[in-house]
């Protein structure tokens, strides 16, 4: 049974999410990642298989489907 690692609630749903990872100082976005999302706080949890596949993708084993420009802001 699901229990959120952030808030402890047990209600969740399956979603496809996007996440930005910092790979060697470069932002890399992965879209359509299957995740379990807490309905209370929105925390996302990924299966071990999903985590390994994303790791394989972002460390150069897959080709990106597109590139985008990203604005960067510094919080001071």
C-alpha atoms as a PDB file:
ATOM      1  CA  UNK A   1       0.000   0.000   0.000  1.00  0.00           C
ATOM      2  CA  UNK A   2       1.185   3.532  -0.808  1.00  0.00           C
ATOM      3  CA  UNK A   3       2.277   5.813   2.037  1.00  0.00           C
ATOM      4  CA  UNK A   4       3.694   9.217   1.100  1.00  0.00           C
ATOM      5  CA  UNK A   5       7.306   9.692   2.205  1.00  0.00           C
ATOM      6  CA  UNK A   6       6.656  13.427   2.739  1.00  0.00           C
ATOM      7  CA  UNK A   7       3.281  13.747   4.481  1.00  0.00           C
ATOM      8  CA  UNK A   8       2.399  10.152   5.410  1.00  0.00           C
ATOM      9  CA  UNK A   9      -1.001  10.162   3.671  1.00  0.00           C
ATOM     10  CA  UNK A  10      -2.117   7.084   1.726  1.00  0.00           C
ATOM     11  CA  UNK A  11      -4.157   8.497  -1.177  1.00  0.00           C
ATOM     12  CA  UNK A  12      -2.417   8.647  -4.544  1.00  0.00           C
ATOM     13  CA  UNK A  13      -2.915   8.389  -8.271  1.00  0.00           C
ATOM     14  CA  UNK A  14      -0.787   7.324 -11.225  1.00  0.00           C
ATOM     15  CA  UNK A  15       0.303  10.167 -13.506  1.00  0.00           C
ATOM     16  CA  UNK A  16       2.766  10.894 -16.287  1.00  0.00           C
ATOM     17  CA  UNK A  17       5.002  13.724 -15.077  1.00  0.00           C
ATOM     18  CA  UNK A  18       7.926  15.803 -16.344  1.00  0.00           C
ATOM     19  CA  UNK A  19      11.055  16.330 -14.282  1.00  0.00           C
ATOM     20  CA  UNK A  20      14.210  18.416 -14.793  1.00  0.00           C
ATOM     21  CA  UNK A  21      17.512  16.853 -13.759  1.00  0.00           C
ATOM     22  CA  UNK A  22      20.901  18.562 -13.386  1.00  0.00           C
ATOM     23  CA  UNK A  23      23.392  16.431 -15.322  1.00  0.00           C
ATOM     24  CA  UNK A  24      26.950  17.762 -15.076  1.00  0.00           C
ATOM     25  CA  UNK A  25      25.629  21.315 -14.627  1.00  0.00           C
ATOM     26  CA  UNK A  26      23.234  21.066 -17.569  1.00  0.00           C
ATOM     27  CA  UNK A  27      19.451  20.935 -17.108  1.00  0.00           C
ATOM     28  CA  UNK A  28      17.866  17.920 -18.787  1.00  0.00           C
ATOM     29  CA  UNK A  29      14.091  17.413 -18.919  1.00  0.00           C
ATOM     30  CA  UNK A  30      12.437  14.018 -19.143  1.00  0.00           C
ATOM     31  CA  UNK A  31       8.748  14.004 -20.081  1.00  0.00           C
ATOM     32  CA  UNK A  32       6.022  11.407 -19.571  1.00  0.00           C
ATOM     33  CA  UNK A  33       7.624   9.652 -16.580  1.00  0.00           C
ATOM     34  CA  UNK A  34       5.183   7.247 -14.868  1.00  0.00           C
ATOM     35  CA  UNK A  35       4.861   8.263 -11.212  1.00  0.00           C
ATOM     36  CA  UNK A  36       2.737   7.718  -8.156  1.00  0.00           C
ATOM     37  CA  UNK A  37       1.646  11.168  -6.977  1.00  0.00           C
ATOM     38  CA  UNK A  38       0.344  11.901  -3.464  1.00  0.00           C
ATOM     39  CA  UNK A  39      -3.117  13.469  -3.628  1.00  0.00           C
ATOM     40  CA  UNK A  40      -2.454  15.448  -0.436  1.00  0.00           C
ATOM     41  CA  UNK A  41       0.946  17.109  -1.019  1.00  0.00           C
ATOM     42  CA  UNK A  42       1.860  16.271  -4.638  1.00  0.00           C
ATOM     43  CA  UNK A  43       5.074  14.389  -3.818  1.00  0.00           C
ATOM     44  CA  UNK A  44       6.107  12.091  -6.658  1.00  0.00           C
ATOM     45  CA  UNK A  45       7.423   8.556  -6.249  1.00  0.00           C
ATOM     46  CA  UNK A  46       9.040   6.551  -9.045  1.00  0.00           C
ATOM     47  CA  UNK A  47       9.457   2.789  -9.269  1.00  0.00           C
ATOM     48  CA  UNK A  48      12.950   1.330  -9.230  1.00  0.00           C
ATOM     49  CA  UNK A  49      12.613   0.294 -12.898  1.00  0.00           C
ATOM     50  CA  UNK A  50      11.486   3.799 -13.886  1.00  0.00           C
ATOM     51  CA  UNK A  51      14.361   5.387 -11.964  1.00  0.00           C
ATOM     52  CA  UNK A  52      16.904   3.128 -13.684  1.00  0.00           C
ATOM     53  CA  UNK A  53      15.449   3.823 -17.130  1.00  0.00           C
ATOM     54  CA  UNK A  54      15.562   7.603 -16.556  1.00  0.00           C
ATOM     55  CA  UNK A  55      19.160   7.305 -15.306  1.00  0.00           C
ATOM     56  CA  UNK A  56      20.072   5.343 -18.452  1.00  0.00           C
ATOM     57  CA  UNK A  57      18.394   7.967 -20.665  1.00  0.00           C
ATOM     58  CA  UNK A  58      19.948  11.109 -19.172  1.00  0.00           C
ATOM     59  CA  UNK A  59      23.466   9.737 -18.989  1.00  0.00           C
ATOM     60  CA  UNK A  60      23.793   9.597 -22.746  1.00  0.00           C
ATOM     61  CA  UNK A  61      22.279   6.261 -23.710  1.00  0.00           C
ATOM     62  CA  UNK A  62      19.280   7.839 -25.453  1.00  0.00           C
ATOM     63  CA  UNK A  63      18.918  10.685 -27.943  1.00  0.00           C
ATOM     64  CA  UNK A  64      16.777  13.691 -26.953  1.00  0.00           C
ATOM     65  CA  UNK A  65      13.551  14.128 -28.920  1.00  0.00           C
ATOM     66  CA  UNK A  66      13.859  17.940 -28.870  1.00  0.00           C
ATOM     67  CA  UNK A  67      15.813  20.820 -27.346  1.00  0.00           C
ATOM     68  CA  UNK A  68      14.410  23.923 -25.664  1.00  0.00           C
ATOM     69  CA  UNK A  69      15.804  27.222 -24.417  1.00  0.00           C
ATOM     70  CA  UNK A  70      15.480  27.776 -20.658  1.00  0.00           C
ATOM     71  CA  UNK A  71      15.455  31.119 -18.833  1.00  0.00           C
ATOM     72  CA  UNK A  72      17.571  31.066 -15.647  1.00  0.00           C
ATOM     73  CA  UNK A  73      16.954  33.263 -12.611  1.00  0.00           C
ATOM     74  CA  UNK A  74      19.175  33.671  -9.545  1.00  0.00           C
ATOM     75  CA  UNK A  75      17.348  33.942  -6.224  1.00  0.00           C
ATOM     76  CA  UNK A  76      19.284  36.379  -4.072  1.00  0.00           C
END
